[in-house]
Amino acid sequence: MLALSGYQITEEIASGVRTAIFRGHNEQGNSSVIIKVLKSEYPTVEEITRLKQEYKITHDLQCEGIVRATNFQKYLHSFALILEDFGGQSLQQLISARRLSLTEFLNIAIALTRTLGELHKLSVIHKDIKPSNILINSFRNEVKITDFSIATRLDRENKIINNPNLLEGTLAYMSPEQTGRMNRSLDYRTDFYSLGITFYEILTGQLPFTTTDPLELVYSHIAIKPVPPHQLNPEIPTAVSEITMKLLAKTAEERYQSAEGLKFDLENCLEQLQKMGKIENFTPGQRDRKFSARIIRYFKI
């Protein structure tokens, strides 16, 4: 078990290839915290840089819908990232246990869209939106995004050039342009595609592309149109299916261009469902505002 000065560790809650995540208490304030550490005894510079980047991006970010980092401290030959603990479980765990109702889906989708909109306005691109990086506290009706280890924060003085040979993110949820095989820059709309994959998985219980072969998966993202969710499950309203499919457009220009436009459509669906018990079909994106070329350039990496 992890032994970290100033913290009492109670349990290990996750273990990945590179990182391990623990729950514990701050011995000074007795507040619950999440502790993320690198598993390697001698981690690489890249691994440490990613952990430090997650701290830098989330520590001072004024956004309620994210899991904030509170401390970054030395641990043996590496470092430990201390995060707030709001008692949530991952969306991946939730949808693996049961099928969410349409109302639950829409409330989660609206919360995620609101947070992405705030992040994009703050010049942050997450680049790894997926169910395991979304935490939900059902009792407090809170939805938060976590794991900003490969996120990018842009400003006017410091533009980051994307390396097409460096594949970052989770391939099953990765936008066509993020695969590095489309010869185009990456911008905030990559998050919308990953959000679309997440919506698809919540609604249908499966990913749009189920192959495990990396090359086939890249090709699928770039060239193959998924089966619309309502064709897999007729209980899914066509409008909700079409919103998801718009997010999954192969080119960024065909997706939603703003979180506000997406949020409007999702709220329209929720309002119809609550008032009439059903959702009438409509053309998605009618209230979406087109971003100017200047703003698109500002968000490209």
C-alpha atoms as a PDB file:
ATOM      1  CA  MET A   1       0.000   0.000   0.000  1.00  0.00           C
ATOM      2  CA  LEU A   2       1.124   3.531  -0.771  1.00  0.00           C
ATOM      3  CA  ALA A   3       2.854   5.428   2.055  1.00  0.00           C
ATOM      4  CA  LEU A   4       2.741   9.181   1.440  1.00  0.00           C
ATOM      5  CA  SER A   5       3.719  11.789   4.000  1.00  0.00           C
ATOM      6  CA  GLY A   6       0.733  13.801   5.250  1.00  0.00           C
ATOM      7  CA  TYR A   7      -1.900  11.353   4.027  1.00  0.00           C
ATOM      8  CA  GLN A   8      -3.591   8.267   5.417  1.00  0.00           C
ATOM      9  CA  ILE A   9      -4.311   5.837   2.569  1.00  0.00           C
ATOM     10  CA  THR A  10      -7.504   3.779   2.874  1.00  0.00           C
ATOM     11  CA  GLU A  11      -7.776   1.858  -0.411  1.00  0.00           C
ATOM     12  CA  GLU A  12      -6.520   1.409  -3.951  1.00  0.00           C
ATOM     13  CA  ILE A  13      -9.373   2.198  -6.331  1.00  0.00           C
ATOM     14  CA  ALA A  14      -7.755   1.796  -9.756  1.00  0.00           C
ATOM     15  CA  SER A  15      -4.585   0.491 -11.346  1.00  0.00           C
ATOM     16  CA  GLY A  16      -3.591   1.114 -14.944  1.00  0.00           C
ATOM     17  CA  VAL A  17      -0.531   0.430 -17.029  1.00  0.00           C
ATOM     18  CA  ARG A  18       1.311   3.545 -15.884  1.00  0.00           C
ATOM     19  CA  THR A  19      -0.578   4.886 -12.878  1.00  0.00           C
ATOM     20  CA  ALA A  20      -2.254   3.726  -9.673  1.00  0.00           C
ATOM     21  CA  ILE A  21      -5.026   5.644  -7.930  1.00  0.00           C
ATOM     22  CA  PHE A  22      -5.749   5.575  -4.199  1.00  0.00           C
ATOM     23  CA  ARG A  23      -8.333   7.077  -1.857  1.00  0.00           C
ATOM     24  CA  GLY A  24      -7.216   8.516   1.431  1.00  0.00           C
ATOM     25  CA  HIS A  25      -7.439  11.368   3.944  1.00  0.00           C
ATOM     26  CA  ASN A  26      -5.426  14.496   4.482  1.00  0.00           C
ATOM     27  CA  GLU A  27      -4.061  14.073   8.021  1.00  0.00           C
ATOM     28  CA  GLN A  28      -4.236  17.802   8.721  1.00  0.00           C
ATOM     29  CA  GLY A  29      -7.794  18.533   7.641  1.00  0.00           C
ATOM     30  CA  ASN A  30      -9.099  14.931   7.542  1.00  0.00           C
ATOM     31  CA  SER A  31     -10.644  15.647   4.150  1.00  0.00           C
ATOM     32  CA  SER A  32     -11.035  12.846   1.619  1.00  0.00           C
ATOM     33  CA  VAL A  33      -8.631  12.944  -1.324  1.00  0.00           C
ATOM     34  CA  ILE A  34      -7.699  10.954  -4.409  1.00  0.00           C
ATOM     35  CA  ILE A  35      -3.979  10.270  -4.923  1.00  0.00           C
ATOM     36  CA  LYS A  36      -2.550   9.447  -8.327  1.00  0.00           C
ATOM     37  CA  VAL A  37       0.976   8.073  -8.569  1.00  0.00           C
ATOM     38  CA  LEU A  38       3.168   6.665 -11.321  1.00  0.00           C
ATOM     39  CA  LYS A  39       3.707   2.912 -10.958  1.00  0.00           C
ATOM     40  CA  SER A  40       7.277   2.830 -12.236  1.00  0.00           C
ATOM     41  CA  GLU A  41       9.943   3.142  -9.555  1.00  0.00           C
ATOM     42  CA  TYR A  42      11.933   5.317 -11.959  1.00  0.00           C
ATOM     43  CA  PRO A  43       9.391   6.978 -14.265  1.00  0.00           C
ATOM     44  CA  THR A  44      10.379   8.634 -17.498  1.00  0.00           C
ATOM     45  CA  VAL A  45      10.563  12.381 -17.983  1.00  0.00           C
ATOM     46  CA  GLU A  46       7.460  12.132 -20.203  1.00  0.00           C
ATOM     47  CA  GLU A  47       5.448  10.378 -17.477  1.00  0.00           C
ATOM     48  CA  ILE A  48       6.419  12.955 -14.855  1.00  0.00           C
ATOM     49  CA  THR A  49       5.718  15.801 -17.279  1.00  0.00           C
ATOM     50  CA  ARG A  50       2.199  14.507 -17.945  1.00  0.00           C
ATOM     51  CA  LEU A  51       1.450  14.228 -14.230  1.00  0.00           C
ATOM     52  CA  LYS A  52       2.773  17.733 -13.624  1.00  0.00           C
ATOM     53  CA  GLN A  53       0.793  19.059 -16.579  1.00  0.00           C
ATOM     54  CA  GLU A  54      -2.403  17.648 -15.107  1.00  0.00           C
ATOM     55  CA  TYR A  55      -1.657  19.540 -11.904  1.00  0.00           C
ATOM     56  CA  LYS A  56      -0.842  22.789 -13.683  1.00  0.00           C
ATOM     57  CA  ILE A  57      -3.974  22.730 -15.833  1.00  0.00           C
ATOM     58  CA  THR A  58      -6.504  21.810 -13.150  1.00  0.00           C
ATOM     59  CA  HIS A  59      -5.098  23.477 -10.030  1.00  0.00           C
ATOM     60  CA  ASP A  60      -6.202  27.022 -10.857  1.00  0.00           C
ATOM     61  CA  LEU A  61      -8.856  26.292 -13.480  1.00  0.00           C
ATOM     62  CA  GLN A  62     -12.136  28.000 -12.592  1.00  0.00           C
ATOM     63  CA  CYS A  63     -14.506  25.297 -13.807  1.00  0.00           C
ATOM     64  CA  GLU A  64     -16.956  23.475 -11.527  1.00  0.00           C
ATOM     65  CA  GLY A  65     -17.298  20.439 -13.797  1.00  0.00           C
ATOM     66  CA  ILE A  66     -13.738  19.131 -13.405  1.00  0.00           C
ATOM     67  CA  VAL A  67     -11.870  17.235 -10.720  1.00  0.00           C
ATOM     68  CA  ARG A  68      -9.336  19.769  -9.462  1.00  0.00           C
ATOM     69  CA  ALA A  69      -5.801  18.989  -8.328  1.00  0.00           C
ATOM     70  CA  THR A  70      -4.954  20.360  -4.894  1.00  0.00           C
ATOM     71  CA  ASN A  71      -1.290  19.399  -4.484  1.00  0.00           C
ATOM     72  CA  PHE A  72       1.728  17.984  -6.312  1.00  0.00           C
ATOM     73  CA  GLN A  73       4.441  16.582  -4.112  1.00  0.00           C
ATOM     74  CA  LYS A  74       7.567  14.457  -4.175  1.00  0.00           C
ATOM     75  CA  TYR A  75       7.115  10.718  -3.658  1.00  0.00           C
ATOM     76  CA  LEU A  76      10.193   8.470  -3.616  1.00  0.00           C
ATOM     77  CA  HIS A  77      11.846   8.889  -7.061  1.00  0.00           C
ATOM     78  CA  SER A  78       8.654  10.320  -8.542  1.00  0.00           C
ATOM     79  CA  PHE A  79       5.718  12.560  -7.658  1.00  0.00           C
ATOM     80  CA  ALA A  80       2.161  12.188  -6.393  1.00  0.00           C
ATOM     81  CA  LEU A  81      -0.825  14.173  -7.654  1.00  0.00           C
ATOM     82  CA  ILE A  82      -3.443  14.978  -5.008  1.00  0.00           C
ATOM     83  CA  LEU A  83      -6.992  15.490  -6.304  1.00  0.00           C
ATOM     84  CA  GLU A  84     -10.280  16.433  -4.692  1.00  0.00           C
ATOM     85  CA  ASP A  85     -12.604  13.527  -3.854  1.00  0.00           C
ATOM     86  CA  PHE A  86     -16.292  14.275  -4.337  1.00  0.00           C
ATOM     87  CA  GLY A  87     -17.416  10.674  -3.858  1.00  0.00           C
ATOM     88  CA  GLY A  88     -18.088   9.882  -7.489  1.00  0.00           C
ATOM     89  CA  GLN A  89     -17.841   6.688  -9.501  1.00  0.00           C
ATOM     90  CA  SER A  90     -16.775   6.491 -13.113  1.00  0.00           C
ATOM     91  CA  LEU A  91     -19.374   6.580 -15.853  1.00  0.00           C
ATOM     92  CA  GLN A  92     -17.730   3.405 -17.164  1.00  0.00           C
ATOM     93  CA  GLN A  93     -18.559   1.602 -13.927  1.00  0.00           C
ATOM     94  CA  LEU A  94     -22.104   2.949 -14.000  1.00  0.00           C
ATOM     95  CA  ILE A  95     -22.951   1.879 -17.546  1.00  0.00           C
ATOM     96  CA  SER A  96     -21.257  -1.491 -17.037  1.00  0.00           C
ATOM     97  CA  ALA A  97     -23.621  -2.146 -14.132  1.00  0.00           C
ATOM     98  CA  ARG A  98     -26.895  -1.054 -15.747  1.00  0.00           C
ATOM     99  CA  ARG A  99     -28.547   0.690 -18.684  1.00  0.00           C
ATOM    100  CA  LEU A 100     -29.218   4.366 -17.995  1.00  0.00           C
ATOM    101  CA  SER A 101     -32.660   5.812 -18.591  1.00  0.00           C
ATOM    102  CA  LEU A 102     -33.067   8.404 -21.330  1.00  0.00           C
ATOM    103  CA  THR A 103     -33.581  11.117 -18.707  1.00  0.00           C
ATOM    104  CA  GLU A 104     -30.358  10.103 -16.926  1.00  0.00           C
ATOM    105  CA  PHE A 105     -28.493  10.132 -20.223  1.00  0.00           C
ATOM    106  CA  LEU A 106     -29.738  13.615 -21.139  1.00  0.00           C
ATOM    107  CA  ASN A 107     -28.893  15.083 -17.733  1.00  0.00           C
ATOM    108  CA  ILE A 108     -25.362  13.645 -17.907  1.00  0.00           C
ATOM    109  CA  ALA A 109     -24.956  14.759 -21.528  1.00  0.00           C
ATOM    110  CA  ILE A 110     -26.042  18.317 -20.719  1.00  0.00           C
ATOM    111  CA  ALA A 111     -23.645  18.516 -17.761  1.00  0.00           C
ATOM    112  CA  LEU A 112     -20.730  17.226 -19.844  1.00  0.00           C
ATOM    113  CA  THR A 113     -21.504  19.626 -22.681  1.00  0.00           C
ATOM    114  CA  ARG A 114     -21.668  22.561 -20.278  1.00  0.00           C
ATOM    115  CA  THR A 115     -18.267  21.665 -18.830  1.00  0.00           C
ATOM    116  CA  LEU A 116     -16.673  21.200 -22.249  1.00  0.00           C
ATOM    117  CA  GLY A 117     -17.999  24.597 -23.260  1.00  0.00           C
ATOM    118  CA  GLU A 118     -16.381  26.178 -20.205  1.00  0.00           C
ATOM    119  CA  LEU A 119     -13.091  24.381 -20.848  1.00  0.00           C
ATOM    120  CA  HIS A 120     -12.986  25.474 -24.472  1.00  0.00           C
ATOM    121  CA  LYS A 121     -13.663  29.082 -23.491  1.00  0.00           C
ATOM    122  CA  LEU A 122     -10.698  28.785 -21.125  1.00  0.00           C
ATOM    123  CA  SER A 123      -8.581  27.531 -24.059  1.00  0.00           C
ATOM    124  CA  VAL A 124      -8.371  23.958 -22.743  1.00  0.00           C
ATOM    125  CA  ILE A 125      -8.756  20.905 -25.011  1.00  0.00           C
ATOM    126  CA  HIS A 126      -9.101  17.665 -23.026  1.00  0.00           C
ATOM    127  CA  LYS A 127      -8.226  15.192 -25.834  1.00  0.00           C
ATOM    128  CA  ASP A 128      -9.299  12.071 -23.912  1.00  0.00           C
ATOM    129  CA  ILE A 129     -13.038  12.278 -23.230  1.00  0.00           C
ATOM    130  CA  LYS A 130     -14.347   8.778 -22.434  1.00  0.00           C
ATOM    131  CA  PRO A 131     -16.555   7.110 -19.773  1.00  0.00           C
ATOM    132  CA  SER A 132     -13.636   6.179 -17.497  1.00  0.00           C
ATOM    133  CA  ASN A 133     -12.606   9.862 -17.350  1.00  0.00           C
ATOM    134  CA  ILE A 134     -16.083  11.003 -16.317  1.00  0.00           C
ATOM    135  CA  LEU A 135     -17.060  10.778 -12.645  1.00  0.00           C
ATOM    136  CA  ILE A 136     -20.623  10.889 -11.359  1.00  0.00           C
ATOM    137  CA  ASN A 137     -22.001  11.395  -7.851  1.00  0.00           C
ATOM    138  CA  SER A 138     -25.622  10.330  -8.247  1.00  0.00           C
ATOM    139  CA  PHE A 139     -26.630  11.472  -4.758  1.00  0.00           C
ATOM    140  CA  ARG A 140     -25.411  15.025  -5.362  1.00  0.00           C
ATOM    141  CA  ASN A 141     -26.276  15.074  -9.087  1.00  0.00           C
ATOM    142  CA  GLU A 142     -22.708  16.032  -9.944  1.00  0.00           C
ATOM    143  CA  VAL A 143     -20.843  15.129 -13.120  1.00  0.00           C
ATOM    144  CA  LYS A 144     -17.139  15.908 -13.419  1.00  0.00           C
ATOM    145  CA  ILE A 145     -14.395  15.333 -15.971  1.00  0.00           C
ATOM    146  CA  THR A 146     -11.031  14.044 -14.782  1.00  0.00           C
ATOM    147  CA  ASP A 147      -7.585  13.029 -16.129  1.00  0.00           C
ATOM    148  CA  PHE A 148      -6.087  16.050 -17.876  1.00  0.00           C
ATOM    149  CA  SER A 149      -2.721  14.323 -18.382  1.00  0.00           C
ATOM    150  CA  ILE A 150      -2.691  14.915 -22.161  1.00  0.00           C
ATOM    151  CA  ALA A 151      -4.857  18.038 -22.180  1.00  0.00           C
ATOM    152  CA  THR A 152      -3.595  21.169 -23.893  1.00  0.00           C
ATOM    153  CA  ARG A 153      -3.994  24.695 -22.601  1.00  0.00           C
ATOM    154  CA  LEU A 154      -3.437  27.325 -25.256  1.00  0.00           C
ATOM    155  CA  ASP A 155      -2.794  31.024 -24.977  1.00  0.00           C
ATOM    156  CA  ARG A 156      -1.892  33.717 -27.406  1.00  0.00           C
ATOM    157  CA  GLU A 157       1.757  33.676 -26.425  1.00  0.00           C
ATOM    158  CA  ASN A 158       2.294  29.921 -26.424  1.00  0.00           C
ATOM    159  CA  LYS A 159       0.919  27.827 -29.259  1.00  0.00           C
ATOM    160  CA  ILE A 160       1.714  24.104 -29.170  1.00  0.00           C
ATOM    161  CA  ILE A 161       2.481  22.361 -32.447  1.00  0.00           C
ATOM    162  CA  ASN A 162       0.926  18.921 -32.755  1.00  0.00           C
ATOM    163  CA  ASN A 163       3.329  16.106 -33.637  1.00  0.00           C
ATOM    164  CA  PRO A 164       1.563  13.873 -36.191  1.00  0.00           C
ATOM    165  CA  ASN A 165       3.792  10.940 -35.203  1.00  0.00           C
ATOM    166  CA  LEU A 166       2.802  11.150 -31.523  1.00  0.00           C
ATOM    167  CA  LEU A 167      -0.492   9.354 -30.837  1.00  0.00           C
ATOM    168  CA  GLU A 168      -2.106  10.688 -27.665  1.00  0.00           C
ATOM    169  CA  GLY A 169      -5.440   9.592 -26.275  1.00  0.00           C
ATOM    170  CA  THR A 170      -7.534   6.425 -26.297  1.00  0.00           C
ATOM    171  CA  LEU A 171      -7.861   5.012 -29.797  1.00  0.00           C
ATOM    172  CA  ALA A 172     -11.448   3.758 -29.416  1.00  0.00           C
ATOM    173  CA  TYR A 173     -12.633   7.317 -28.596  1.00  0.00           C
ATOM    174  CA  MET A 174     -10.219   9.266 -30.795  1.00  0.00           C
ATOM    175  CA  SER A 175     -11.332  11.684 -33.509  1.00  0.00           C
ATOM    176  CA  PRO A 176     -10.162  11.083 -37.094  1.00  0.00           C
ATOM    177  CA  GLU A 177      -7.884  14.110 -36.977  1.00  0.00           C
ATOM    178  CA  GLN A 178      -6.402  13.074 -33.615  1.00  0.00           C
ATOM    179  CA  THR A 179      -5.157   9.804 -35.148  1.00  0.00           C
ATOM    180  CA  GLY A 180      -2.633  11.897 -37.096  1.00  0.00           C
ATOM    181  CA  ARG A 181      -3.662  10.292 -40.394  1.00  0.00           C
ATOM    182  CA  MET A 182      -5.691  13.162 -41.888  1.00  0.00           C
ATOM    183  CA  ASN A 183      -2.975  15.775 -42.422  1.00  0.00           C
ATOM    184  CA  ARG A 184      -4.892  18.458 -40.583  1.00  0.00           C
ATOM    185  CA  SER A 185      -4.486  20.388 -37.349  1.00  0.00           C
ATOM    186  CA  LEU A 186      -6.255  19.479 -34.136  1.00  0.00           C
ATOM    187  CA  ASP A 187      -8.725  21.844 -32.475  1.00  0.00           C
ATOM    188  CA  TYR A 188     -11.372  21.837 -29.737  1.00  0.00           C
ATOM    189  CA  ARG A 189     -13.839  19.928 -31.947  1.00  0.00           C
ATOM    190  CA  THR A 190     -11.854  16.735 -31.353  1.00  0.00           C
ATOM    191  CA  ASP A 191     -13.507  16.699 -27.908  1.00  0.00           C
ATOM    192  CA  PHE A 192     -16.948  16.726 -29.550  1.00  0.00           C
ATOM    193  CA  TYR A 193     -16.135  13.559 -31.508  1.00  0.00           C
ATOM    194  CA  SER A 194     -14.950  11.768 -28.360  1.00  0.00           C
ATOM    195  CA  LEU A 195     -18.096  12.966 -26.603  1.00  0.00           C
ATOM    196  CA  GLY A 196     -20.112  11.460 -29.465  1.00  0.00           C
ATOM    197  CA  ILE A 197     -18.405   8.092 -28.958  1.00  0.00           C
ATOM    198  CA  THR A 198     -19.255   8.350 -25.255  1.00  0.00           C
ATOM    199  CA  PHE A 199     -22.905   9.171 -26.021  1.00  0.00           C
ATOM    200  CA  TYR A 200     -23.050   6.233 -28.428  1.00  0.00           C
ATOM    201  CA  GLU A 201     -21.725   3.842 -25.789  1.00  0.00           C
ATOM    202  CA  ILE A 202     -24.171   5.054 -23.136  1.00  0.00           C
ATOM    203  CA  LEU A 203     -27.137   4.765 -25.484  1.00  0.00           C
ATOM    204  CA  THR A 204     -26.363   1.442 -27.156  1.00  0.00           C
ATOM    205  CA  GLY A 205     -24.164  -0.353 -24.651  1.00  0.00           C
ATOM    206  CA  GLN A 206     -21.404  -0.739 -27.233  1.00  0.00           C
ATOM    207  CA  LEU A 207     -18.786   1.268 -29.090  1.00  0.00           C
ATOM    208  CA  PRO A 208     -19.506   2.288 -32.698  1.00  0.00           C
ATOM    209  CA  PHE A 209     -16.402   0.406 -33.846  1.00  0.00           C
ATOM    210  CA  THR A 210     -15.723  -2.860 -32.025  1.00  0.00           C
ATOM    211  CA  THR A 211     -12.569  -4.041 -33.771  1.00  0.00           C
ATOM    212  CA  THR A 212      -9.500  -4.459 -31.579  1.00  0.00           C
ATOM    213  CA  ASP A 213      -7.036  -4.105 -34.446  1.00  0.00           C
ATOM    214  CA  PRO A 214      -5.443  -0.626 -34.183  1.00  0.00           C
ATOM    215  CA  LEU A 215      -5.114  -0.085 -37.948  1.00  0.00           C
ATOM    216  CA  GLU A 216      -8.719  -1.155 -38.577  1.00  0.00           C
ATOM    217  CA  LEU A 217      -9.862   1.137 -35.773  1.00  0.00           C
ATOM    218  CA  VAL A 218      -8.025   4.119 -37.249  1.00  0.00           C
ATOM    219  CA  TYR A 219      -9.527   3.358 -40.658  1.00  0.00           C
ATOM    220  CA  SER A 220     -13.005   3.068 -39.112  1.00  0.00           C
ATOM    221  CA  HIS A 221     -12.723   6.489 -37.475  1.00  0.00           C
ATOM    222  CA  ILE A 222     -11.610   8.040 -40.745  1.00  0.00           C
ATOM    223  CA  ALA A 223     -13.789   6.282 -43.313  1.00  0.00           C
ATOM    224  CA  ILE A 224     -16.639   4.171 -41.882  1.00  0.00           C
ATOM    225  CA  LYS A 225     -19.972   5.613 -40.779  1.00  0.00           C
ATOM    226  CA  PRO A 226     -21.303   3.930 -37.622  1.00  0.00           C
ATOM    227  CA  VAL A 227     -24.748   2.356 -37.503  1.00  0.00           C
ATOM    228  CA  PRO A 228     -27.034   5.068 -36.049  1.00  0.00           C
ATOM    229  CA  PRO A 229     -27.970   4.334 -32.412  1.00  0.00           C
ATOM    230  CA  HIS A 230     -31.725   4.230 -33.079  1.00  0.00           C
ATOM    231  CA  GLN A 231     -31.190   1.430 -35.590  1.00  0.00           C
ATOM    232  CA  LEU A 232     -29.508  -0.666 -32.896  1.00  0.00           C
ATOM    233  CA  ASN A 233     -32.130   0.209 -30.309  1.00  0.00           C
ATOM    234  CA  PRO A 234     -35.529   1.450 -31.585  1.00  0.00           C
ATOM    235  CA  GLU A 235     -36.290   2.867 -28.117  1.00  0.00           C
ATOM    236  CA  ILE A 236     -33.703   5.592 -28.708  1.00  0.00           C
ATOM    237  CA  PRO A 237     -35.461   8.673 -30.158  1.00  0.00           C
ATOM    238  CA  THR A 238     -34.337   9.572 -33.666  1.00  0.00           C
ATOM    239  CA  ALA A 239     -33.474  13.114 -32.563  1.00  0.00           C
ATOM    240  CA  VAL A 240     -31.073  11.835 -29.888  1.00  0.00           C
ATOM    241  CA  SER A 241     -29.553   9.430 -32.406  1.00  0.00           C
ATOM    242  CA  GLU A 242     -29.026  12.211 -34.948  1.00  0.00           C
ATOM    243  CA  ILE A 243     -27.408  14.481 -32.343  1.00  0.00           C
ATOM    244  CA  THR A 244     -24.945  11.681 -31.602  1.00  0.00           C
ATOM    245  CA  MET A 245     -24.275  11.074 -35.280  1.00  0.00           C
ATOM    246  CA  LYS A 246     -23.608  14.781 -35.868  1.00  0.00           C
ATOM    247  CA  LEU A 247     -20.943  14.637 -33.160  1.00  0.00           C
ATOM    248  CA  LEU A 248     -19.437  11.644 -34.965  1.00  0.00           C
ATOM    249  CA  ALA A 249     -19.019  13.413 -38.301  1.00  0.00           C
ATOM    250  CA  LYS A 250     -15.695  12.583 -39.946  1.00  0.00           C
ATOM    251  CA  THR A 251     -14.699  16.209 -40.489  1.00  0.00           C
ATOM    252  CA  ALA A 252     -14.740  18.780 -37.716  1.00  0.00           C
ATOM    253  CA  GLU A 253     -16.697  21.236 -39.885  1.00  0.00           C
ATOM    254  CA  GLU A 254     -19.672  18.852 -39.998  1.00  0.00           C
ATOM    255  CA  ARG A 255     -19.852  18.440 -36.227  1.00  0.00           C
ATOM    256  CA  TYR A 256     -21.299  20.874 -33.750  1.00  0.00           C
ATOM    257  CA  GLN A 257     -19.247  24.045 -33.788  1.00  0.00           C
ATOM    258  CA  SER A 258     -20.073  25.125 -30.257  1.00  0.00           C
ATOM    259  CA  ALA A 259     -21.045  23.548 -26.960  1.00  0.00           C
ATOM    260  CA  GLU A 260     -23.904  26.048 -26.785  1.00  0.00           C
ATOM    261  CA  GLY A 261     -25.524  24.634 -29.922  1.00  0.00           C
ATOM    262  CA  LEU A 262     -25.210  21.065 -28.658  1.00  0.00           C
ATOM    263  CA  LYS A 263     -26.506  21.996 -25.214  1.00  0.00           C
ATOM    264  CA  PHE A 264     -29.549  23.713 -26.753  1.00  0.00           C
ATOM    265  CA  ASP A 265     -30.497  20.543 -28.643  1.00  0.00           C
ATOM    266  CA  LEU A 266     -29.998  18.301 -25.609  1.00  0.00           C
ATOM    267  CA  GLU A 267     -32.067  20.604 -23.410  1.00  0.00           C
ATOM    268  CA  ASN A 268     -34.765  20.633 -26.086  1.00  0.00           C
ATOM    269  CA  CYS A 269     -34.855  16.823 -25.923  1.00  0.00           C
ATOM    270  CA  LEU A 270     -35.057  16.820 -22.125  1.00  0.00           C
ATOM    271  CA  GLU A 271     -37.818  19.438 -22.078  1.00  0.00           C
ATOM    272  CA  GLN A 272     -39.895  17.481 -24.604  1.00  0.00           C
ATOM    273  CA  LEU A 273     -39.383  14.257 -22.671  1.00  0.00           C
ATOM    274  CA  GLN A 274     -40.448  15.852 -19.390  1.00  0.00           C
ATOM    275  CA  LYS A 275     -43.490  17.647 -20.830  1.00  0.00           C
ATOM    276  CA  MET A 276     -44.780  15.151 -23.403  1.00  0.00           C
ATOM    277  CA  GLY A 277     -43.120  11.877 -22.441  1.00  0.00           C
ATOM    278  CA  LYS A 278     -41.530  11.616 -25.880  1.00  0.00           C
ATOM    279  CA  ILE A 279     -39.098  13.458 -28.149  1.00  0.00           C
ATOM    280  CA  GLU A 280     -40.217  14.631 -31.572  1.00  0.00           C
ATOM    281  CA  ASN A 281     -37.656  14.558 -34.342  1.00  0.00           C
ATOM    282  CA  PHE A 282     -35.920  17.801 -35.364  1.00  0.00           C
ATOM    283  CA  THR A 283     -32.865  18.814 -37.340  1.00  0.00           C
ATOM    284  CA  PRO A 284     -29.879  19.026 -34.972  1.00  0.00           C
ATOM    285  CA  GLY A 285     -27.600  22.039 -34.961  1.00  0.00           C
ATOM    286  CA  GLN A 286     -30.134  24.696 -36.007  1.00  0.00           C
ATOM    287  CA  ARG A 287     -29.131  26.872 -33.048  1.00  0.00           C
ATOM    288  CA  ASP A 288     -25.437  26.096 -33.411  1.00  0.00           C
ATOM    289  CA  ARG A 289     -23.304  29.147 -34.028  1.00  0.00           C
ATOM    290  CA  LYS A 290     -20.484  28.976 -36.504  1.00  0.00           C
ATOM    291  CA  PHE A 291     -17.091  29.894 -35.108  1.00  0.00           C
ATOM    292  CA  SER A 292     -15.063  32.328 -37.127  1.00  0.00           C
ATOM    293  CA  ALA A 293     -11.841  31.271 -38.829  1.00  0.00           C
ATOM    294  CA  ARG A 294      -9.922  33.396 -36.314  1.00  0.00           C
ATOM    295  CA  ILE A 295     -11.370  31.504 -33.347  1.00  0.00           C
ATOM    296  CA  ILE A 296     -10.773  28.131 -35.004  1.00  0.00           C
ATOM    297  CA  ARG A 297      -7.120  29.073 -35.565  1.00  0.00           C
ATOM    298  CA  TYR A 298      -6.810  30.100 -31.933  1.00  0.00           C
ATOM    299  CA  PHE A 299      -7.896  26.630 -30.798  1.00  0.00           C
ATOM    300  CA  LYS A 300      -5.710  24.643 -33.185  1.00  0.00           C
ATOM    301  CA  ILE A 301      -2.629  22.759 -32.060  1.00  0.00           C
END
